[in-house]
Amino acid sequence: MKKVKISVICFLVLFLALTTMTPATWAQEKLTYEEFSKRKAWFDDPRPYLTDFYKRFVSPELYSKLTYDVEEMKKLWAECVGFRAPDVVGKIALEIKPGTYSYKDKEKYPFKELMIPRHYDRFKPGGPPHAGNFPEIKVIPTRQYYWALPIAKATKENVGRTKLDNQGYLINDSYVAGYPFPRPEGKFKAQQIMYNWEKRYSNFETNFTWQKSKGFTGGLKEDFNTELDSLGMRLHGRVCMEPYGWLDDRAKKEGEKQVSLIKFYSPRDMYGMVIGISYYLNADHFDQNLMYINALRRVRKMSATDTQDAIAGQDVIYEDQDGFSQKLSPKRYPYKFEVIGEREYLIPAYTLDGSVYYSSKGLELRNIEFERRPLYVVKLTQLDKNYVYSSRTIYIDKETFMLVQAENYDQKGRLYRTAEVTFAFVPEMGMTVMFGGLLADHIDKHSAIPLLFVQPAPFLTRENFDFGALFSKGK
């Protein structure tokens, strides 16, 4: 039973990105779990908890280093991708204009034409079998989103440098920094889109997160609750935080992509457990997972090969992390890649203040804003019939390359699991950070929801992630 519980919680950590701790030298005010909980309650709390978050919990020196001229960021990113989102939407279902709509308006306006089917189905009052329905939405004008100036500069400087092989798979040595394919095109367009997601810059390059998550049965009865913090560091393609490029010679030699360290505070029997993960660029190199087990006071190596195993038979598999984290390889469960859609959809907007909340009654999403966004729809058809999914349908934002939603179908063609990722956007930083999401199992009827804070933490070093850190953080 403990193994099952550990697996569920481990995924939730990974689904919500890589993160890090903030010592007094960098934080104006130390963010404790108590402060985290005070700023946003689990239910019925519409407070805009992100309004002053970065100014309050990041030192003036670091805040200044990570903020840039907004108009310059907007201009340069539009040059990179070739458009601004507000200029390319507004062509479908023109009757739906900015304003507030309830689920009763679904009969009056063509929401079915404009929404992703999964969102359209959830546009109703809350109730079983899943959390996350929304009986009311506020449609807002489309915003232009953009990336931090160093990310945009690296993207522009390296246009055309990243290469794919004759099967459309990334040649790792050709990638330097930034988004590798800012204007996806050609025979391998679908793979280019997915590699943009793989090389994403969300959540800062080195970061810290407080996170809490809850899971619910098909009857919306809570069946797990977990609290944790995690540290994370990008090891290559660094442009915002020193050292730039590769973190060090070891990362370059070993082909390391990123590292993370996760500590659990609840449930009670998980308190003090720590997981350390090393991710590799080579798609055929299995990642390394180590766990400090508090009851044994020992570190044990976890299997890195069973990545398609169901996590407790519930919402996800390990390769569903962040919505999609499966390594693209012609050897390990290869796909047929297709762009099956490229159009605007009405989707949840990136929040600027974090005022979105869940209601205690019906687990409804409240205060939720929607905006028209240009999206790619990529279909990945599995060529190995032994894989758990027959296909995946991935919705990707064309302007930011962020994953909006993933739909996974079983070998019988049934919708099996969906993962929705929701982001906050920090305008002065040109940065998106994960602040929530929704995981749903459509066969076993289960769902999970998270809430988290993400902070930049450039002070982290290798020592925060090495073997000794598993012991020191776990004790």
Protein backbone atom coordinates (compact mmCIF):
# COMPACT_ATOMS: atom_id res chain seq x y z
CA MET A 1 0.00 0.00 0.00
CA LYS A 2 2.86 2.39 0.83
CA LYS A 3 4.38 1.81 -2.59
CA VAL A 4 1.10 2.84 -4.22
CA LYS A 5 0.86 6.02 -2.14
CA ILE A 6 4.47 6.97 -2.86
CA SER A 7 3.89 6.54 -6.60
CA VAL A 8 0.84 8.81 -6.63
CA ILE A 9 2.58 11.59 -4.75
CA CYS A 10 5.78 11.30 -6.78
CA PHE A 11 3.90 11.97 -10.00
CA LEU A 12 2.14 15.00 -8.64
CA VAL A 13 5.49 16.51 -7.78
CA LEU A 14 6.87 15.87 -11.24
CA PHE A 15 3.69 17.06 -12.95
CA LEU A 16 4.10 20.44 -11.34
CA ALA A 17 7.59 21.25 -12.46
CA LEU A 18 11.11 21.62 -11.01
CA THR A 19 11.80 24.01 -8.04
CA THR A 20 14.12 25.43 -5.18
CA MET A 21 14.65 26.95 -1.68
CA THR A 22 15.29 30.63 -0.89
CA PRO A 23 17.79 31.61 1.82
CA ALA A 24 17.60 34.99 3.50
CA THR A 25 20.27 36.44 1.21
CA TRP A 26 17.87 36.25 -1.72
CA ALA A 27 14.39 36.41 -0.19
CA GLN A 28 12.95 39.55 1.33
CA GLU A 29 10.71 37.38 3.46
CA LYS A 30 11.18 33.64 3.99
CA LEU A 31 8.22 31.76 2.57
CA THR A 32 7.23 29.11 5.11
CA TYR A 33 4.56 26.49 4.57
CA GLU A 34 2.38 28.31 7.10
CA GLU A 35 2.67 31.55 5.08
CA PHE A 36 2.01 29.62 1.89
CA SER A 37 -1.21 28.18 3.36
CA LYS A 38 -2.33 31.56 4.69
CA ARG A 39 -2.02 33.20 1.29
CA LYS A 40 -4.39 30.76 -0.44
CA ALA A 41 -6.81 28.36 1.24
CA TRP A 42 -7.77 25.15 -0.50
CA PHE A 43 -11.41 26.08 -1.09
CA ASP A 44 -13.62 29.16 -1.44
CA ASP A 45 -10.69 31.60 -1.48
CA PRO A 46 -10.73 34.18 -4.32
CA ARG A 47 -7.78 36.18 -2.99
CA PRO A 48 -5.32 37.25 -5.73
CA TYR A 49 -2.34 35.64 -4.01
CA LEU A 50 0.14 36.32 -6.83
CA THR A 51 -0.36 40.10 -6.94
CA ASP A 52 2.65 40.99 -4.76
CA PHE A 53 4.29 37.59 -4.64
CA TYR A 54 7.59 38.23 -6.44
CA LYS A 55 8.16 41.69 -5.00
CA ARG A 56 7.53 40.35 -1.50
CA PHE A 57 9.43 37.07 -1.57
CA VAL A 58 12.32 37.92 -3.91
CA SER A 59 15.09 40.35 -2.98
CA PRO A 60 15.26 43.69 -4.83
CA GLU A 61 18.59 42.63 -6.36
CA LEU A 62 17.24 39.40 -7.82
CA TYR A 63 13.94 40.98 -8.83
CA SER A 64 15.84 43.66 -10.75
CA LYS A 65 18.02 41.04 -12.44
CA LEU A 66 15.01 39.03 -13.64
CA THR A 67 12.84 41.90 -14.89
CA TYR A 68 13.08 43.52 -18.33
CA ASP A 69 11.45 46.17 -20.47
CA VAL A 70 8.00 44.82 -21.33
CA GLU A 71 7.67 46.54 -24.72
CA GLU A 72 11.10 45.30 -25.78
CA MET A 73 10.16 41.73 -24.80
CA LYS A 74 6.89 41.96 -26.70
CA LYS A 75 8.58 43.30 -29.84
CA LEU A 76 11.42 40.77 -29.89
CA TRP A 77 9.22 37.75 -29.19
CA ALA A 78 6.82 38.74 -31.95
CA GLU A 79 9.82 38.85 -34.29
CA CYS A 80 10.77 35.33 -33.18
CA VAL A 81 7.39 33.67 -33.73
CA GLY A 82 6.20 35.97 -36.53
CA PHE A 83 2.94 37.22 -34.99
CA ARG A 84 1.14 38.58 -31.93
CA ALA A 85 -1.71 36.43 -30.63
CA PRO A 86 -4.33 39.24 -30.57
CA ASP A 87 -3.75 39.77 -34.31
CA VAL A 88 -4.45 36.19 -35.39
CA VAL A 89 -7.61 35.30 -33.43
CA GLY A 90 -11.22 36.48 -33.56
CA LYS A 91 -12.17 34.61 -36.71
CA ILE A 92 -14.37 31.83 -35.23
CA ALA A 93 -17.71 32.18 -33.41
CA LEU A 94 -17.65 35.96 -33.53
CA GLU A 95 -20.83 36.10 -31.42
CA ILE A 96 -18.74 35.24 -28.37
CA LYS A 97 -17.30 38.54 -27.22
CA PRO A 98 -15.54 39.58 -23.98
CA GLY A 99 -17.96 39.30 -21.09
CA THR A 100 -19.34 36.89 -18.51
CA TYR A 101 -21.18 33.72 -19.57
CA SER A 102 -22.85 30.91 -17.64
CA TYR A 103 -23.26 27.29 -18.68
CA LYS A 104 -26.86 28.17 -19.66
CA ASP A 105 -25.44 30.31 -22.45
CA LYS A 106 -24.10 27.19 -24.17
CA GLU A 107 -27.44 26.97 -25.94
CA LYS A 108 -27.33 30.59 -27.10
CA TYR A 109 -23.75 30.88 -28.33
CA PRO A 110 -21.51 28.55 -30.40
CA PHE A 111 -19.14 27.59 -27.56
CA LYS A 112 -18.94 24.07 -28.95
CA GLU A 113 -17.31 25.46 -32.09
CA LEU A 114 -14.77 27.52 -30.17
CA MET A 115 -13.81 25.36 -27.17
CA ILE A 116 -11.63 22.28 -26.85
CA PRO A 117 -14.17 19.42 -26.43
CA ARG A 118 -12.94 18.62 -22.93
CA HIS A 119 -13.48 22.24 -21.85
CA TYR A 120 -16.91 22.32 -23.46
CA ASP A 121 -17.91 19.21 -21.50
CA ARG A 122 -16.75 20.82 -18.25
CA PHE A 123 -18.68 24.05 -18.85
CA LYS A 124 -21.42 23.08 -16.37
CA PRO A 125 -22.07 22.97 -12.61
CA GLY A 126 -19.71 20.91 -10.48
CA GLY A 127 -20.40 17.29 -9.65
CA PRO A 128 -19.16 13.71 -10.14
CA PRO A 129 -17.18 12.11 -11.58
CA HIS A 130 -14.39 14.73 -11.76
CA ALA A 131 -13.33 17.94 -10.08
CA GLY A 132 -12.88 21.10 -12.13
CA ASN A 133 -16.18 21.94 -13.81
CA PHE A 134 -16.90 25.67 -14.29
CA PRO A 135 -20.52 26.91 -14.33
CA GLU A 136 -19.44 30.45 -15.23
CA ILE A 137 -16.55 31.95 -17.20
CA LYS A 138 -15.31 35.44 -17.99
CA VAL A 139 -14.11 35.85 -21.57
CA ILE A 140 -11.33 38.45 -21.78
CA PRO A 141 -9.58 40.03 -24.79
CA THR A 142 -6.63 38.03 -26.06
CA ARG A 143 -3.29 39.10 -24.62
CA GLN A 144 0.14 38.92 -26.17
CA TYR A 145 2.41 36.64 -24.14
CA TYR A 146 6.17 36.60 -24.52
CA TRP A 147 9.36 35.25 -23.01
CA ALA A 148 12.07 36.96 -20.97
CA LEU A 149 14.50 39.03 -23.00
CA PRO A 150 17.47 36.60 -22.68
CA ILE A 151 15.25 33.72 -23.84
CA ALA A 152 13.99 35.70 -26.84
CA LYS A 153 17.52 36.82 -27.74
CA ALA A 154 18.84 33.24 -27.55
CA THR A 155 15.93 32.04 -29.67
CA LYS A 156 16.58 34.65 -32.37
CA GLU A 157 20.36 34.16 -32.35
CA ASN A 158 20.07 30.37 -32.78
CA VAL A 159 17.38 30.22 -35.47
CA GLY A 160 18.26 27.46 -37.93
CA ARG A 161 21.02 26.02 -35.75
CA THR A 162 19.05 23.17 -34.15
CA LYS A 163 18.84 20.14 -36.44
CA LEU A 164 16.72 17.02 -36.74
CA ASP A 165 17.94 13.75 -38.23
CA ASN A 166 16.35 12.10 -41.28
CA GLN A 167 13.59 10.67 -39.07
CA GLY A 168 12.77 13.97 -37.42
CA TYR A 169 14.51 13.37 -34.08
CA LEU A 170 16.62 16.01 -32.38
CA ILE A 171 20.40 15.96 -32.81
CA ASN A 172 21.26 16.95 -29.25
CA ASP A 173 24.63 18.54 -30.03
CA SER A 174 22.99 21.01 -32.42
CA TYR A 175 20.85 22.66 -29.73
CA VAL A 176 22.39 25.62 -27.89
CA ALA A 177 19.71 27.68 -26.13
CA GLY A 178 16.32 29.35 -26.53
CA TYR A 179 13.37 27.76 -28.31
CA PRO A 180 14.76 25.53 -31.08
CA PHE A 181 11.95 25.97 -33.63
CA PRO A 182 10.15 29.32 -33.12
CA ARG A 183 8.34 28.91 -36.46
CA PRO A 184 7.66 25.18 -36.89
CA GLU A 185 7.35 24.11 -40.51
CA GLY A 186 8.01 21.39 -43.03
CA LYS A 187 7.89 17.61 -42.98
CA PHE A 188 8.71 17.35 -39.26
CA LYS A 189 6.58 20.23 -38.07
CA ALA A 190 4.84 18.14 -35.39
CA GLN A 191 8.15 16.98 -33.92
CA GLN A 192 9.47 20.55 -33.92
CA ILE A 193 6.44 21.61 -31.87
CA MET A 194 7.04 18.84 -29.35
CA TYR A 195 10.74 19.72 -29.04
CA ASN A 196 9.77 23.32 -28.28
CA TRP A 197 7.76 21.93 -25.36
CA GLU A 198 10.65 19.73 -24.27
CA LYS A 199 13.03 22.75 -24.17
CA ARG A 200 10.55 25.00 -22.34
CA TYR A 201 11.76 27.75 -19.98
CA SER A 202 8.78 27.91 -17.59
CA ASN A 203 9.34 28.08 -13.80
CA PHE A 204 12.72 29.82 -14.07
CA GLU A 205 15.99 27.97 -14.73
CA THR A 206 16.63 27.33 -11.04
CA ASN A 207 13.72 27.39 -8.65
CA PHE A 208 11.93 26.47 -5.42
CA THR A 209 8.30 25.43 -4.94
CA TRP A 210 5.86 24.85 -2.13
CA GLN A 211 3.10 22.53 -3.28
CA LYS A 212 -0.03 20.90 -1.94
CA SER A 213 -2.27 18.49 -3.84
CA LYS A 214 -5.56 16.70 -3.29
CA GLY A 215 -7.09 13.69 -5.00
CA PHE A 216 -10.75 12.72 -5.34
CA THR A 217 -12.72 9.59 -6.17
CA GLY A 218 -15.45 9.47 -8.79
CA GLY A 219 -17.87 10.50 -6.07
CA LEU A 220 -15.67 13.53 -5.31
CA LYS A 221 -14.63 12.11 -1.97
CA GLU A 222 -11.11 13.15 -0.99
CA ASP A 223 -8.76 10.17 -0.92
CA PHE A 224 -5.32 11.75 -0.56
CA ASN A 225 -3.69 14.99 0.52
CA THR A 226 0.00 15.79 0.24
CA GLU A 227 2.35 18.70 1.02
CA LEU A 228 5.94 19.07 -0.16
CA ASP A 229 8.68 21.34 -1.38
CA SER A 230 11.02 20.76 -4.29
CA LEU A 231 14.24 22.14 -5.75
CA GLY A 232 15.07 22.17 -9.44
CA MET A 233 17.85 23.23 -11.77
CA ARG A 234 18.21 23.39 -15.54
CA LEU A 235 21.65 22.16 -16.59
CA HIS A 236 21.91 23.17 -20.26
CA GLY A 237 20.70 26.02 -22.46
CA ARG A 238 20.83 28.43 -19.51
CA VAL A 239 20.36 32.09 -20.48
CA CYS A 240 18.72 33.86 -17.50
CA MET A 241 20.82 32.72 -14.55
CA GLU A 242 24.57 32.21 -14.26
CA PRO A 243 26.38 30.09 -15.22
CA TYR A 244 25.11 30.40 -18.76
CA GLY A 245 25.02 27.54 -21.26
CA TRP A 246 25.95 24.33 -19.46
CA LEU A 247 25.91 24.43 -15.67
CA ASP A 248 29.31 22.72 -15.52
CA ASP A 249 31.64 20.29 -17.31
CA ARG A 250 29.95 17.32 -15.67
CA ALA A 251 26.56 18.22 -17.15
CA LYS A 252 28.11 18.64 -20.61
CA LYS A 253 30.08 15.37 -20.40
CA GLU A 254 27.16 13.31 -19.06
CA GLY A 255 24.51 14.98 -21.21
CA GLU A 256 22.43 15.95 -18.20
CA LYS A 257 19.26 17.93 -18.81
CA GLN A 258 18.06 18.85 -15.32
CA VAL A 259 18.00 17.74 -11.69
CA SER A 260 15.40 17.94 -8.95
CA LEU A 261 15.10 17.16 -5.24
CA ILE A 262 11.70 16.70 -3.56
CA LYS A 263 10.88 16.49 0.16
CA PHE A 264 7.53 15.37 1.58
CA TYR A 265 5.86 16.85 4.66
CA SER A 266 2.58 14.96 4.48
CA PRO A 267 0.88 12.54 4.64
CA ARG A 268 2.37 11.72 8.03
CA ASP A 269 3.92 8.39 7.02
CA MET A 270 5.72 10.16 4.15
CA TYR A 271 7.24 12.92 6.28
CA GLY A 272 10.97 13.27 5.64
CA MET A 273 11.12 11.18 2.46
CA VAL A 274 13.24 12.73 -0.29
CA ILE A 275 13.48 11.92 -4.01
CA GLY A 276 16.39 12.99 -6.21
CA ILE A 277 16.07 12.76 -10.00
CA SER A 278 18.61 13.30 -12.78
CA TYR A 279 17.22 13.72 -16.30
CA TYR A 280 19.32 13.07 -19.42
CA LEU A 281 19.17 14.55 -22.92
CA ASN A 282 19.74 11.25 -24.68
CA ALA A 283 16.30 9.81 -25.36
CA ASP A 284 17.63 6.28 -24.91
CA HIS A 285 19.37 7.04 -21.59
CA PHE A 286 17.15 6.15 -18.65
CA ASP A 287 16.83 8.86 -16.02
CA GLN A 288 18.14 8.18 -12.51
CA ASN A 289 15.72 8.18 -9.56
CA LEU A 290 16.95 7.89 -5.97
CA MET A 291 14.81 7.91 -2.81
CA TYR A 292 15.77 8.52 0.81
CA ILE A 293 13.38 6.36 2.85
CA ASN A 294 12.93 7.88 6.28
CA ALA A 295 11.91 4.63 8.01
CA LEU A 296 15.12 2.89 6.86
CA ARG A 297 17.43 5.93 6.83
CA ARG A 298 18.77 4.55 3.58
CA VAL A 299 18.81 5.62 -0.07
CA ARG A 300 17.29 3.23 -2.59
CA LYS A 301 17.40 3.35 -6.38
CA MET A 302 13.97 3.43 -8.01
CA SER A 303 13.19 1.86 -11.37
CA ALA A 304 13.59 4.28 -14.26
CA THR A 305 12.42 1.84 -16.92
CA ASP A 306 8.79 1.28 -15.93
CA THR A 307 7.75 4.73 -17.12
CA GLN A 308 4.42 3.61 -18.58
CA ASP A 309 3.22 1.92 -15.41
CA ALA A 310 -0.04 3.23 -14.03
CA ILE A 311 0.50 5.18 -10.83
CA ALA A 312 -1.71 3.35 -8.35
CA GLY A 313 -4.05 2.56 -11.25
CA GLN A 314 -5.27 6.15 -11.11
CA ASP A 315 -4.78 9.40 -13.01
CA VAL A 316 -1.44 9.15 -14.78
CA ILE A 317 1.65 7.27 -15.82
CA TYR A 318 5.19 8.52 -15.23
CA GLU A 319 5.47 9.73 -18.83
CA ASP A 320 2.52 12.07 -18.28
CA GLN A 321 4.61 14.42 -16.11
CA ASP A 322 3.82 18.10 -16.80
CA GLY A 323 1.16 16.81 -19.19
CA PHE A 324 3.72 15.10 -21.46
CA SER A 325 7.31 14.17 -20.67
CA GLN A 326 7.87 11.04 -22.72
CA LYS A 327 11.25 11.01 -24.44
CA LEU A 328 10.95 11.01 -28.22
CA SER A 329 12.85 8.07 -29.64
CA PRO A 330 12.52 5.81 -32.70
CA LYS A 331 13.66 2.92 -30.47
CA ARG A 332 11.55 3.34 -27.32
CA TYR A 333 7.87 3.29 -28.25
CA PRO A 334 8.03 5.31 -31.49
CA TYR A 335 5.17 7.51 -32.70
CA LYS A 336 3.68 8.71 -35.93
CA PHE A 337 3.59 12.52 -35.56
CA GLU A 338 0.87 14.69 -37.13
CA VAL A 339 -0.37 18.26 -36.83
CA ILE A 340 -4.14 17.68 -36.98
CA GLY A 341 -5.18 21.22 -36.13
CA GLU A 342 -3.87 24.78 -36.18
CA ARG A 343 -6.53 27.27 -35.16
CA GLU A 344 -7.90 29.40 -32.34
CA TYR A 345 -9.62 27.98 -29.29
CA LEU A 346 -11.23 29.58 -26.26
CA ILE A 347 -9.13 28.26 -23.36
CA PRO A 348 -8.34 29.18 -19.72
CA ALA A 349 -6.24 32.34 -19.70
CA TYR A 350 -2.87 32.54 -17.98
CA THR A 351 -3.67 34.08 -14.61
CA LEU A 352 -1.95 37.31 -13.62
CA ASP A 353 -3.07 37.35 -9.99
CA GLY A 354 -3.97 33.79 -8.95
CA SER A 355 -7.56 34.63 -8.00
CA VAL A 356 -8.87 31.39 -9.57
CA TYR A 357 -10.12 29.03 -6.87
CA TYR A 358 -12.00 25.77 -6.20
CA SER A 359 -15.35 25.80 -4.42
CA SER A 360 -15.92 23.36 -1.57
CA LYS A 361 -19.30 22.50 -3.06
CA GLY A 362 -18.95 20.49 -6.23
CA LEU A 363 -15.21 21.27 -6.56
CA GLU A 364 -16.04 23.92 -9.16
CA LEU A 365 -13.45 26.22 -10.68
CA ARG A 366 -14.44 29.81 -9.94
CA ASN A 367 -13.13 33.21 -11.06
CA ILE A 368 -11.81 31.54 -14.18
CA GLU A 369 -11.02 33.65 -17.24
CA PHE A 370 -10.95 32.36 -20.82
CA GLU A 371 -9.32 33.91 -23.87
CA ARG A 372 -8.99 33.08 -27.53
CA ARG A 373 -5.58 31.54 -28.19
CA PRO A 374 -3.90 30.23 -31.36
CA LEU A 375 -3.07 26.54 -30.78
CA TYR A 376 -1.36 23.64 -32.48
CA VAL A 377 -3.08 20.27 -32.11
CA VAL A 378 -0.56 17.45 -32.40
CA LYS A 379 -1.53 13.79 -32.61
CA LEU A 380 0.99 11.13 -31.60
CA THR A 381 -0.08 7.68 -32.80
CA GLN A 382 1.77 4.88 -31.04
CA LEU A 383 3.40 2.39 -33.40
CA ASP A 384 4.10 -0.20 -30.70
CA LYS A 385 0.88 -1.98 -29.71
CA ASN A 386 2.41 -2.94 -26.35
CA TYR A 387 2.35 0.66 -25.14
CA VAL A 388 -0.35 1.67 -22.67
CA TYR A 389 -1.73 4.40 -24.97
CA SER A 390 -2.73 3.96 -28.59
CA SER A 391 -2.45 7.70 -29.19
CA ARG A 392 -2.07 11.11 -27.55
CA THR A 393 -3.60 14.41 -28.61
CA ILE A 394 -1.62 17.42 -27.38
CA TYR A 395 -2.79 21.05 -27.47
CA ILE A 396 0.12 23.52 -27.59
CA ASP A 397 -0.04 27.33 -27.48
CA LYS A 398 1.48 28.69 -30.73
CA GLU A 399 2.80 31.89 -29.12
CA THR A 400 4.37 30.45 -25.95
CA PHE A 401 4.81 26.76 -26.89
CA MET A 402 3.25 25.83 -23.54
CA LEU A 403 1.15 22.67 -23.26
CA VAL A 404 -2.53 23.42 -22.65
CA GLN A 405 -3.98 19.93 -22.48
CA ALA A 406 -3.07 16.32 -23.20
CA GLU A 407 -5.62 13.64 -24.06
CA ASN A 408 -4.47 10.02 -23.86
CA TYR A 409 -6.38 7.12 -25.42
CA ASP A 410 -6.07 3.45 -24.47
CA GLN A 411 -5.53 0.57 -26.89
CA LYS A 412 -9.31 0.27 -27.35
CA GLY A 413 -9.47 3.89 -28.49
CA ARG A 414 -11.21 5.11 -25.32
CA LEU A 415 -10.31 8.42 -23.70
CA TYR A 416 -8.28 7.20 -20.75
CA ARG A 417 -6.46 10.05 -19.02
CA THR A 418 -6.32 13.80 -19.51
CA ALA A 419 -3.90 16.34 -18.06
CA GLU A 420 -4.54 20.07 -18.06
CA VAL A 421 -1.74 22.45 -17.15
CA THR A 422 -2.59 25.95 -15.90
CA PHE A 423 -0.04 28.76 -15.75
CA ALA A 424 0.47 32.14 -14.16
CA PHE A 425 2.20 34.84 -16.19
CA VAL A 426 4.58 37.43 -14.71
CA PRO A 427 4.55 40.33 -17.23
CA GLU A 428 7.62 42.22 -16.00
CA MET A 429 9.68 39.00 -16.04
CA GLY A 430 8.36 37.52 -19.27
CA MET A 431 7.94 34.24 -17.42
CA THR A 432 5.22 31.60 -17.14
CA VAL A 433 5.05 29.51 -13.97
CA MET A 434 2.88 26.52 -13.20
CA PHE A 435 0.33 27.25 -10.51
CA GLY A 436 -2.20 24.45 -10.96
CA GLY A 437 -3.79 21.91 -13.21
CA LEU A 438 -6.24 19.04 -13.37
CA LEU A 439 -5.50 15.35 -13.80
CA ALA A 440 -8.40 13.06 -14.67
CA ASP A 441 -8.83 9.33 -15.23
CA HIS A 442 -11.91 8.77 -17.41
CA ILE A 443 -12.07 5.00 -16.99
CA ASP A 444 -11.36 4.58 -13.28
CA LYS A 445 -13.06 7.92 -12.46
CA HIS A 446 -10.52 9.83 -10.40
CA SER A 447 -9.12 13.38 -10.42
CA ALA A 448 -6.40 15.38 -8.70
CA ILE A 449 -5.84 19.12 -8.23
CA PRO A 450 -2.72 21.03 -7.06
CA LEU A 451 -1.87 24.46 -5.70
CA LEU A 452 1.70 25.80 -5.63
CA PHE A 453 4.10 28.74 -5.45
CA VAL A 454 7.22 28.86 -7.64
CA GLN A 455 10.21 31.08 -6.77
CA PRO A 456 13.50 31.70 -8.61
CA ALA A 457 16.54 30.40 -6.69
CA PRO A 458 19.82 31.13 -8.51
CA PHE A 459 21.91 30.34 -5.44
CA LEU A 460 21.48 26.57 -5.81
CA THR A 461 24.57 24.48 -6.60
CA ARG A 462 25.33 20.85 -7.32
CA GLU A 463 25.60 20.20 -3.58
CA ASN A 464 21.86 20.85 -3.22
CA PHE A 465 21.13 17.84 -5.44
CA ASP A 466 23.92 15.34 -4.78
CA PHE A 467 23.78 12.05 -2.87
CA GLY A 468 24.52 13.74 0.45
CA ALA A 469 21.60 16.15 -0.01
CA LEU A 470 19.20 13.21 0.08
CA PHE A 471 20.35 12.47 3.64
CA SER A 472 20.74 16.03 4.92
CA LYS A 473 17.34 17.15 3.63
CA GLY A 474 15.65 13.95 4.77
CA LYS A 475 16.87 14.10 8.39
